PDB file of N, CA and C in Angstrom:
ATOM      1  N   MET A   1     158.307  95.634  69.353  1.00  0.00           N
ATOM      2  CA  MET A   1     158.439  96.050  70.740  1.00  0.00           C
ATOM      3  C   MET A   1     158.182  94.889  71.699  1.00  0.00           C
ATOM      4  N   GLY A   2     157.596  93.831  71.204  1.00  0.00           N
ATOM      5  CA  GLY A   2     157.395  92.655  72.041  1.00  0.00           C
ATOM      6  C   GLY A   2     156.414  92.935  73.179  1.00  0.00           C
ATOM      7  N   TYR A   3     156.741  92.441  74.370  1.00  0.00           N
ATOM      8  CA  TYR A   3     155.886  92.591  75.541  1.00  0.00           C
ATOM      9  C   TYR A   3     155.706  94.061  75.908  1.00  0.00           C
ATOM     10  N   ASN A   4     156.719  94.882  75.772  1.00  0.00           N
ATOM     11  CA  ASN A   4     156.645  96.309  76.095  1.00  0.00           C
ATOM     12  C   ASN A   4     155.635  97.036  75.213  1.00  0.00           C
ATOM     13  N   GLY A   5     155.345  96.533  74.053  1.00  0.00           N
ATOM     14  CA  GLY A   5     154.353  97.143  73.174  1.00  0.00           C
ATOM     15  C   GLY A   5     152.933  96.985  73.687  1.00  0.00           C
ATOM     16  N   LEU A   6     152.711  96.050  74.589  1.00  0.00           N
ATOM     17  CA  LEU A   6     151.376  95.812  75.141  1.00  0.00           C
ATOM     18  C   LEU A   6     151.066  96.682  76.359  1.00  0.00           C
ATOM     19  N   ILE A   7     152.055  97.320  76.937  1.00  0.00           N
ATOM     20  CA  ILE A   7     151.864  98.146  78.139  1.00  0.00           C
ATOM     21  C   ILE A   7     151.214  99.467  77.739  1.00  0.00           C
ATOM     22  N   ASN A   8     150.188  99.861  78.509  1.00  0.00           N
ATOM     23  CA  ASN A   8     149.531 101.145  78.242  1.00  0.00           C
ATOM     24  C   ASN A   8     150.478 102.291  78.527  1.00  0.00           C
ATOM     25  N   LYS A   9     150.536 103.222  77.604  1.00  0.00           N
ATOM     26  CA  LYS A   9     151.387 104.391  77.764  1.00  0.00           C
ATOM     27  C   LYS A   9     150.508 105.627  77.910  1.00  0.00           C
ATOM     28  N   PRO A  10     150.943 106.602  78.711  1.00  0.00           N
ATOM     29  CA  PRO A  10     150.143 107.832  78.834  1.00  0.00           C
ATOM     30  C   PRO A  10     150.070 108.538  77.490  1.00  0.00           C
ATOM     31  N   LYS A  11     148.887 109.077  77.187  1.00  0.00           N
ATOM     32  CA  LYS A  11     148.685 109.769  75.922  1.00  0.00           C
ATOM     33  C   LYS A  11     148.777 111.266  76.134  1.00  0.00           C
ATOM     34  N   GLY A  12     149.058 111.966  75.074  1.00  0.00           N
ATOM     35  CA  GLY A  12     149.107 113.421  75.140  1.00  0.00           C
ATOM     36  C   GLY A  12     150.510 113.927  75.381  1.00  0.00           C
ATOM     37  N   ARG A  13     150.648 115.209  75.280  1.00  0.00           N
ATOM     38  CA  ARG A  13     151.941 115.854  75.450  1.00  0.00           C
ATOM     39  C   ARG A  13     152.197 116.106  76.932  1.00  0.00           C
ATOM     40  N   PRO A  14     153.410 115.850  77.412  1.00  0.00           N
ATOM     41  CA  PRO A  14     153.702 116.125  78.828  1.00  0.00           C
ATOM     42  C   PRO A  14     153.699 117.628  79.090  1.00  0.00           C
ATOM     43  N   SER A  15     153.325 118.001  80.313  1.00  0.00           N
ATOM     44  CA  SER A  15     153.269 119.416  80.651  1.00  0.00           C
ATOM     45  C   SER A  15     154.673 120.011  80.689  1.00  0.00           C
ATOM     46  N   LYS A  16     154.773 121.297  80.366  1.00  0.00           N
ATOM     47  CA  LYS A  16     156.066 121.977  80.347  1.00  0.00           C
ATOM     48  C   LYS A  16     156.528 122.360  81.741  1.00  0.00           C
ATOM     49  N   ASP A  17     155.568 122.724  82.610  1.00  0.00           N
ATOM     50  CA  ASP A  17     155.906 123.217  83.933  1.00  0.00           C
ATOM     51  C   ASP A  17     155.535 122.169  84.975  1.00  0.00           C
ATOM     52  N   SER A  18     156.536 121.532  85.545  1.00  0.00           N
ATOM     53  CA  SER A  18     156.266 120.499  86.546  1.00  0.00           C
ATOM     54  C   SER A  18     155.847 121.113  87.876  1.00  0.00           C
ATOM     55  N   LYS A  19     156.066 122.430  88.072  1.00  0.00           N
ATOM     56  CA  LYS A  19     155.659 123.092  89.313  1.00  0.00           C
ATOM     57  C   LYS A  19     154.144 123.182  89.425  1.00  0.00           C
ATOM     58  N   MET A  20     153.444 123.105  88.301  1.00  0.00           N
ATOM     59  CA  MET A  20     151.994 123.193  88.312  1.00  0.00           C
ATOM     60  C   MET A  20     151.376 121.951  88.947  1.00  0.00           C
ATOM     61  N   LYS A  21     152.083 120.856  88.904  1.00  0.00           N
ATOM     62  CA  LYS A  21     151.573 119.616  89.475  1.00  0.00           C
ATOM     63  C   LYS A  21     151.921 119.572  90.959  1.00  0.00           C
ATOM     64  N   VAL A  22     150.917 119.747  91.810  1.00  0.00           N
ATOM     65  CA  VAL A  22     151.118 119.689  93.251  1.00  0.00           C
ATOM     66  C   VAL A  22     150.419 118.437  93.744  1.00  0.00           C
ATOM     67  N   PRO A  23     151.148 117.537  94.354  1.00  0.00           N
ATOM     68  CA  PRO A  23     150.495 116.331  94.857  1.00  0.00           C
ATOM     69  C   PRO A  23     149.436 116.683  95.897  1.00  0.00           C
ATOM     70  N   LYS A  24     148.283 116.044  95.784  1.00  0.00           N
ATOM     71  CA  LYS A  24     147.162 116.359  96.672  1.00  0.00           C
ATOM     72  C   LYS A  24     147.411 115.903  98.098  1.00  0.00           C
ATOM     73  N   ASN A  25     148.251 114.918  98.278  1.00  0.00           N
ATOM     74  CA  ASN A  25     148.502 114.385  99.613  1.00  0.00           C
ATOM     75  C   ASN A  25     149.315 115.336 100.487  1.00  0.00           C
ATOM     76  N   ASN A  26     150.077 116.229  99.882  1.00  0.00           N
ATOM     77  CA  ASN A  26     150.946 117.121 100.649  1.00  0.00           C
ATOM     78  C   ASN A  26     150.243 118.377 101.134  1.00  0.00           C
ATOM     79  N   ILE A  27     149.026 118.645 100.681  1.00  0.00           N
ATOM     80  CA  ILE A  27     148.315 119.858 101.062  1.00  0.00           C
ATOM     81  C   ILE A  27     147.546 119.588 102.363  1.00  0.00           C
ATOM     82  N   LEU A  28     147.977 120.198 103.424  1.00  0.00           N
ATOM     83  CA  LEU A  28     147.312 120.050 104.711  1.00  0.00           C
ATOM     84  C   LEU A  28     146.833 121.419 105.174  1.00  0.00           C
ATOM     85  N   PRO A  29     145.610 121.497 105.673  1.00  0.00           N
ATOM     86  CA  PRO A  29     145.139 122.801 106.164  1.00  0.00           C
ATOM     87  C   PRO A  29     145.901 123.193 107.429  1.00  0.00           C
ATOM     88  N   ARG A  30     146.123 124.498 107.548  1.00  0.00           N
ATOM     89  CA  ARG A  30     146.841 124.953 108.732  1.00  0.00           C
ATOM     90  C   ARG A  30     145.878 125.017 109.916  1.00  0.00           C
ATOM     91  N   LYS A  31     146.438 125.020 111.097  1.00  0.00           N
ATOM     92  CA  LYS A  31     145.626 125.098 112.316  1.00  0.00           C
ATOM     93  C   LYS A  31     145.034 126.497 112.430  1.00  0.00           C
ATOM     94  N   LEU A  32     143.770 126.572 112.817  1.00  0.00           N
ATOM     95  CA  LEU A  32     143.097 127.858 113.003  1.00  0.00           C
ATOM     96  C   LEU A  32     143.253 128.307 114.447  1.00  0.00           C
ATOM     97  N   ASN A  33     143.432 129.628 114.618  1.00  0.00           N
ATOM     98  CA  ASN A  33     143.431 130.114 115.995  1.00  0.00           C
ATOM     99  C   ASN A  33     141.975 130.305 116.426  1.00  0.00           C
ATOM    100  N   GLU A  34     141.765 130.660 117.669  1.00  0.00           N
ATOM    101  CA  GLU A  34     140.412 130.680 118.229  1.00  0.00           C
ATOM    102  C   GLU A  34     139.500 131.672 117.519  1.00  0.00           C
ATOM    103  N   SER A  35     139.993 132.874 117.213  1.00  0.00           N
ATOM    104  CA  SER A  35     139.146 133.877 116.559  1.00  0.00           C
ATOM    105  C   SER A  35     138.778 133.441 115.133  1.00  0.00           C
ATOM    106  N   GLU A  36     139.709 132.811 114.427  1.00  0.00           N
ATOM    107  CA  GLU A  36     139.409 132.317 113.082  1.00  0.00           C
ATOM    108  C   GLU A  36     138.376 131.193 113.136  1.00  0.00           C
ATOM    109  N   TYR A  37     138.505 130.329 114.136  1.00  0.00           N
ATOM    110  CA  TYR A  37     137.559 129.233 114.298  1.00  0.00           C
ATOM    111  C   TYR A  37     136.160 129.761 114.606  1.00  0.00           C
ATOM    112  N   GLU A  38     136.068 130.757 115.465  1.00  0.00           N
ATOM    113  CA  GLU A  38     134.768 131.362 115.790  1.00  0.00           C
ATOM    114  C   GLU A  38     134.154 132.027 114.562  1.00  0.00           C
ATOM    115  N   GLU A  39     134.994 132.707 113.774  1.00  0.00           N
ATOM    116  CA  GLU A  39     134.498 133.345 112.559  1.00  0.00           C
ATOM    117  C   GLU A  39     134.019 132.295 111.557  1.00  0.00           C
ATOM    118  N   LEU A  40     134.733 131.181 111.461  1.00  0.00           N
ATOM    119  CA  LEU A  40     134.326 130.098 110.575  1.00  0.00           C
ATOM    120  C   LEU A  40     132.955 129.561 110.969  1.00  0.00           C
ATOM    121  N   ILE A  41     132.738 129.378 112.246  1.00  0.00           N
ATOM    122  CA  ILE A  41     131.441 128.898 112.734  1.00  0.00           C
ATOM    123  C   ILE A  41     130.354 129.921 112.424  1.00  0.00           C
ATOM    124  N   ARG A  42     130.643 131.202 112.662  1.00  0.00           N
ATOM    125  CA  ARG A  42     129.667 132.254 112.388  1.00  0.00           C
ATOM    126  C   ARG A  42     129.324 132.310 110.908  1.00  0.00           C
ATOM    127  N   LEU A  43     130.342 132.220 110.054  1.00  0.00           N
ATOM    128  CA  LEU A  43     130.107 132.290 108.608  1.00  0.00           C
ATOM    129  C   LEU A  43     129.331 131.078 108.108  1.00  0.00           C
ATOM    130  N   ARG A  44     129.611 129.910 108.652  1.00  0.00           N
ATOM    131  CA  ARG A  44     128.849 128.720 108.261  1.00  0.00           C
ATOM    132  C   ARG A  44     127.383 128.850 108.663  1.00  0.00           C
ATOM    133  N   ALA A  45     127.138 129.402 109.851  1.00  0.00           N
ATOM    134  CA  ALA A  45     125.755 129.611 110.285  1.00  0.00           C
ATOM    135  C   ALA A  45     125.068 130.630 109.386  1.00  0.00           C
ATOM    136  N   GLU A  46     125.792 131.686 109.009  1.00  0.00           N
ATOM    137  CA  GLU A  46     125.227 132.707 108.126  1.00  0.00           C
ATOM    138  C   GLU A  46     124.906 132.122 106.755  1.00  0.00           C
ATOM    139  N   ILE A  47     125.784 131.266 106.243  1.00  0.00           N
ATOM    140  CA  ILE A  47     125.540 130.622 104.955  1.00  0.00           C
ATOM    141  C   ILE A  47     124.301 129.744 105.030  1.00  0.00           C
ATOM    142  N   ALA A  48     124.161 128.986 106.108  1.00  0.00           N
ATOM    143  CA  ALA A  48     122.988 128.122 106.267  1.00  0.00           C
ATOM    144  C   ALA A  48     121.712 128.962 106.318  1.00  0.00           C
ATOM    145  N   TYR A  49     121.761 130.104 107.025  1.00  0.00           N
ATOM    146  CA  TYR A  49     120.599 130.987 107.112  1.00  0.00           C
ATOM    147  C   TYR A  49     120.241 131.543 105.735  1.00  0.00           C
ATOM    148  N   ILE A  50     121.244 131.978 104.983  1.00  0.00           N
ATOM    149  CA  ILE A  50     120.994 132.560 103.660  1.00  0.00           C
ATOM    150  C   ILE A  50     120.458 131.505 102.702  1.00  0.00           C
ATOM    151  N   LYS A  51     120.965 130.274 102.788  1.00  0.00           N
ATOM    152  CA  LYS A  51     120.461 129.198 101.939  1.00  0.00           C
ATOM    153  C   LYS A  51     118.995 128.919 102.248  1.00  0.00           C
ATOM    154  N   ALA A  52     118.642 128.889 103.526  1.00  0.00           N
ATOM    155  CA  ALA A  52     117.247 128.662 103.912  1.00  0.00           C
ATOM    156  C   ALA A  52     116.375 129.816 103.434  1.00  0.00           C
ATOM    157  N   GLU A  53     116.868 131.021 103.560  1.00  0.00           N
ATOM    158  CA  GLU A  53     116.128 132.199 103.100  1.00  0.00           C
ATOM    159  C   GLU A  53     115.897 132.129 101.591  1.00  0.00           C
ATOM    160  N   ASN A  54     116.909 131.724 100.845  1.00  0.00           N
ATOM    161  CA  ASN A  54     116.766 131.583  99.393  1.00  0.00           C
ATOM    162  C   ASN A  54     115.722 130.529  99.032  1.00  0.00           C
ATOM    163  N   GLU A  55     115.694 129.431  99.772  1.00  0.00           N
ATOM    164  CA  GLU A  55     114.695 128.385  99.508  1.00  0.00           C
ATOM    165  C   GLU A  55     113.281 128.911  99.743  1.00  0.00           C
ATOM    166  N   VAL A  56     113.113 129.702 100.804  1.00  0.00           N
ATOM    167  CA  VAL A  56     111.805 130.279 101.086  1.00  0.00           C
ATOM    168  C   VAL A  56     111.389 131.207  99.954  1.00  0.00           C
ATOM    169  N   ILE A  57     112.314 132.020  99.472  1.00  0.00           N
ATOM    170  CA  ILE A  57     112.014 132.945  98.377  1.00  0.00           C
ATOM    171  C   ILE A  57     111.653 132.174  97.118  1.00  0.00           C
ATOM    172  N   LYS A  58     112.392 131.111  96.820  1.00  0.00           N
ATOM    173  CA  LYS A  58     112.090 130.295  95.635  1.00  0.00           C
ATOM    174  C   LYS A  58     110.700 129.674  95.736  1.00  0.00           C
ATOM    175  N   LYS A  59     110.342 129.181  96.913  1.00  0.00           N
ATOM    176  CA  LYS A  59     109.019 128.585  97.095  1.00  0.00           C
ATOM    177  C   LYS A  59     107.926 129.636  96.953  1.00  0.00           C
ATOM    178  N   GLU A  60     108.170 130.829  97.489  1.00  0.00           N
ATOM    179  CA  GLU A  60     107.196 131.909  97.370  1.00  0.00           C
ATOM    180  C   GLU A  60     106.985 132.290  95.906  1.00  0.00           C
ATOM    181  N   ILE A  61     108.058 132.377  95.151  1.00  0.00           N
ATOM    182  CA  ILE A  61     107.951 132.688  93.723  1.00  0.00           C
ATOM    183  C   ILE A  61     107.165 131.602  93.006  1.00  0.00           C
ATOM    184  N   ALA A  62     107.450 130.335  93.327  1.00  0.00           N
ATOM    185  CA  ALA A  62     106.748 129.223  92.684  1.00  0.00           C
ATOM    186  C   ALA A  62     105.258 129.259  93.021  1.00  0.00           C
ATOM    187  N   LEU A  63     104.925 129.563  94.276  1.00  0.00           N
ATOM    188  CA  LEU A  63     103.516 129.626  94.669  1.00  0.00           C
ATOM    189  C   LEU A  63     102.796 130.771  93.962  1.00  0.00           C
ATOM    190  N   ARG A  64     103.458 131.927  93.855  1.00  0.00           N
ATOM    191  CA  ARG A  64     102.853 133.058  93.151  1.00  0.00           C
ATOM    192  C   ARG A  64     102.635 132.730  91.687  1.00  0.00           C
ATOM    193  N   GLU A  65     103.605 132.070  91.077  1.00  0.00           N
ATOM    194  CA  GLU A  65     103.482 131.690  89.666  1.00  0.00           C
ATOM    195  C   GLU A  65     102.336 130.690  89.483  1.00  0.00           C
ATOM    196  N   ALA A  66     102.218 129.733  90.395  1.00  0.00           N
ATOM    197  CA  ALA A  66     101.133 128.757  90.319  1.00  0.00           C
ATOM    198  C   ALA A  66      99.788 129.447  90.491  1.00  0.00           C
ATOM    199  N   ALA A  67      99.697 130.397  91.407  1.00  0.00           N
ATOM    200  CA  ALA A  67      98.441 131.128  91.610  1.00  0.00           C
ATOM    201  C   ALA A  67      98.098 131.959  90.380  1.00  0.00           C
ATOM    202  N   ARG A  68      99.123 132.556  89.762  1.00  0.00           N
ATOM    203  CA  ARG A  68      98.897 133.349  88.554  1.00  0.00           C
ATOM    204  C   ARG A  68      98.390 132.474  87.412  1.00  0.00           C
ATOM    205  N   LEU A  69      98.988 131.303  87.255  1.00  0.00           N
ATOM    206  CA  LEU A  69      98.542 130.393  86.198  1.00  0.00           C
ATOM    207  C   LEU A  69      97.138 129.864  86.465  1.00  0.00           C
ATOM    208  N   LYS A  70      96.828 129.609  87.728  1.00  0.00           N
ATOM    209  CA  LYS A  70      95.494 129.126  88.074  1.00  0.00           C
ATOM    210  C   LYS A  70      94.453 130.195  87.774  1.00  0.00           C
ATOM    211  N   ALA A  71      94.754 131.447  88.124  1.00  0.00           N
ATOM    212  CA  ALA A  71      93.821 132.547  87.846  1.00  0.00           C
ATOM    213  C   ALA A  71      93.641 132.720  86.346  1.00  0.00           C
ATOM    214  N   LYS A  72      94.700 132.601  85.590  1.00  0.00           N
ATOM    215  CA  LYS A  72      94.623 132.725  84.134  1.00  0.00           C
ATOM    216  C   LYS A  72      93.771 131.603  83.560  1.00  0.00           C
ATOM    217  N   LYS A  73      93.934 130.405  84.068  1.00  0.00           N
ATOM    218  CA  LYS A  73      93.158 129.264  83.595  1.00  0.00           C
ATOM    219  C   LYS A  73      91.680 129.462  83.906  1.00  0.00           C
ATOM    220  N   GLN A  74      91.371 130.000  85.090  1.00  0.00           N
ATOM    221  CA  GLN A  74      89.983 130.257  85.456  1.00  0.00           C
ATOM    222  C   GLN A  74      89.369 131.320  84.561  1.00  0.00           C
ATOM    223  N   ARG A  75      90.141 132.385  84.255  1.00  0.00           N
ATOM    224  CA  ARG A  75      89.629 133.427  83.354  1.00  0.00           C
ATOM    225  C   ARG A  75      89.321 132.854  81.984  1.00  0.00           C
ATOM    226  N   LEU A  76      90.206 132.010  81.484  1.00  0.00           N
ATOM    227  CA  LEU A  76      89.997 131.421  80.172  1.00  0.00           C
ATOM    228  C   LEU A  76      88.786 130.497  80.166  1.00  0.00           C
ATOM    229  N   SER A  77      88.579 129.734  81.241  1.00  0.00           N
ATOM    230  CA  SER A  77      87.435 128.827  81.295  1.00  0.00           C
ATOM    231  C   SER A  77      86.129 129.614  81.397  1.00  0.00           C
ATOM    232  N   LYS A  78      86.148 130.774  82.107  1.00  0.00           N
ATOM    233  CA  LYS A  78      84.950 131.608  82.181  1.00  0.00           C
ATOM    234  C   LYS A  78      84.617 132.179  80.808  1.00  0.00           C
ATOM    235  N   ARG A  79      85.644 132.600  80.076  1.00  0.00           N
ATOM    236  CA  ARG A  79      85.422 133.143  78.737  1.00  0.00           C
ATOM    237  C   ARG A  79      84.846 132.089  77.810  1.00  0.00           C
ATOM    238  N   SER A  80      85.398 130.874  77.867  1.00  0.00           N
ATOM    239  CA  SER A  80      84.893 129.814  76.988  1.00  0.00           C
ATOM    240  C   SER A  80      83.475 129.417  77.388  1.00  0.00           C
ATOM    241  N   ALA A  81      83.143 129.493  78.670  1.00  0.00           N
ATOM    242  CA  ALA A  81      81.775 129.179  79.109  1.00  0.00           C
ATOM    243  C   ALA A  81      80.812 130.259  78.591  1.00  0.00           C
ATOM    244  N   ARG A  82      81.221 131.512  78.614  1.00  0.00           N
ATOM    245  CA  ARG A  82      80.370 132.596  78.102  1.00  0.00           C
ATOM    246  C   ARG A  82      80.154 132.443  76.608  1.00  0.00           C
ATOM    247  N   LYS A  83      81.196 132.070  75.870  1.00  0.00           N
ATOM    248  CA  LYS A  83      81.050 131.881  74.433  1.00  0.00           C
ATOM    249  C   LYS A  83      80.108 130.719  74.139  1.00  0.00           C
ATOM    250  N   ALA A  84      80.155 129.667  74.949  1.00  0.00           N
ATOM    251  CA  ALA A  84      79.294 128.508  74.731  1.00  0.00           C
ATOM    252  C   ALA A  84      77.832 128.871  74.977  1.00  0.00           C
ATOM    253  N   ILE A  85      77.580 129.766  75.939  1.00  0.00           N
ATOM    254  CA  ILE A  85      76.215 130.187  76.240  1.00  0.00           C
ATOM    255  C   ILE A  85      75.668 131.031  75.111  1.00  0.00           C
ATOM    256  N   ASN A  86      76.493 131.931  74.557  1.00  0.00           N
ATOM    257  CA  ASN A  86      76.050 132.814  73.473  1.00  0.00           C
ATOM    258  C   ASN A  86      75.965 132.031  72.225  1.00  0.00           C
TER     259      ASN A  86
END
């Protein structure tokens, strides 16, 4: 093959349906009208609020779990101290 044998060739089987390949450069978002734009802003604000709410819930769960483990550790240390005294 000479020089042509050194050129990298695509590997794998070519796709059967060329319609599945849509160039990314041709996809442009359509213009939003005013009500759609307002709804988009409202939904983004709602998403931000829900994300913040979820973070608060996660932190609360973590704090409760830490408090539970601390209480368990204290109970175990009290038991071992009682056994050492007896």
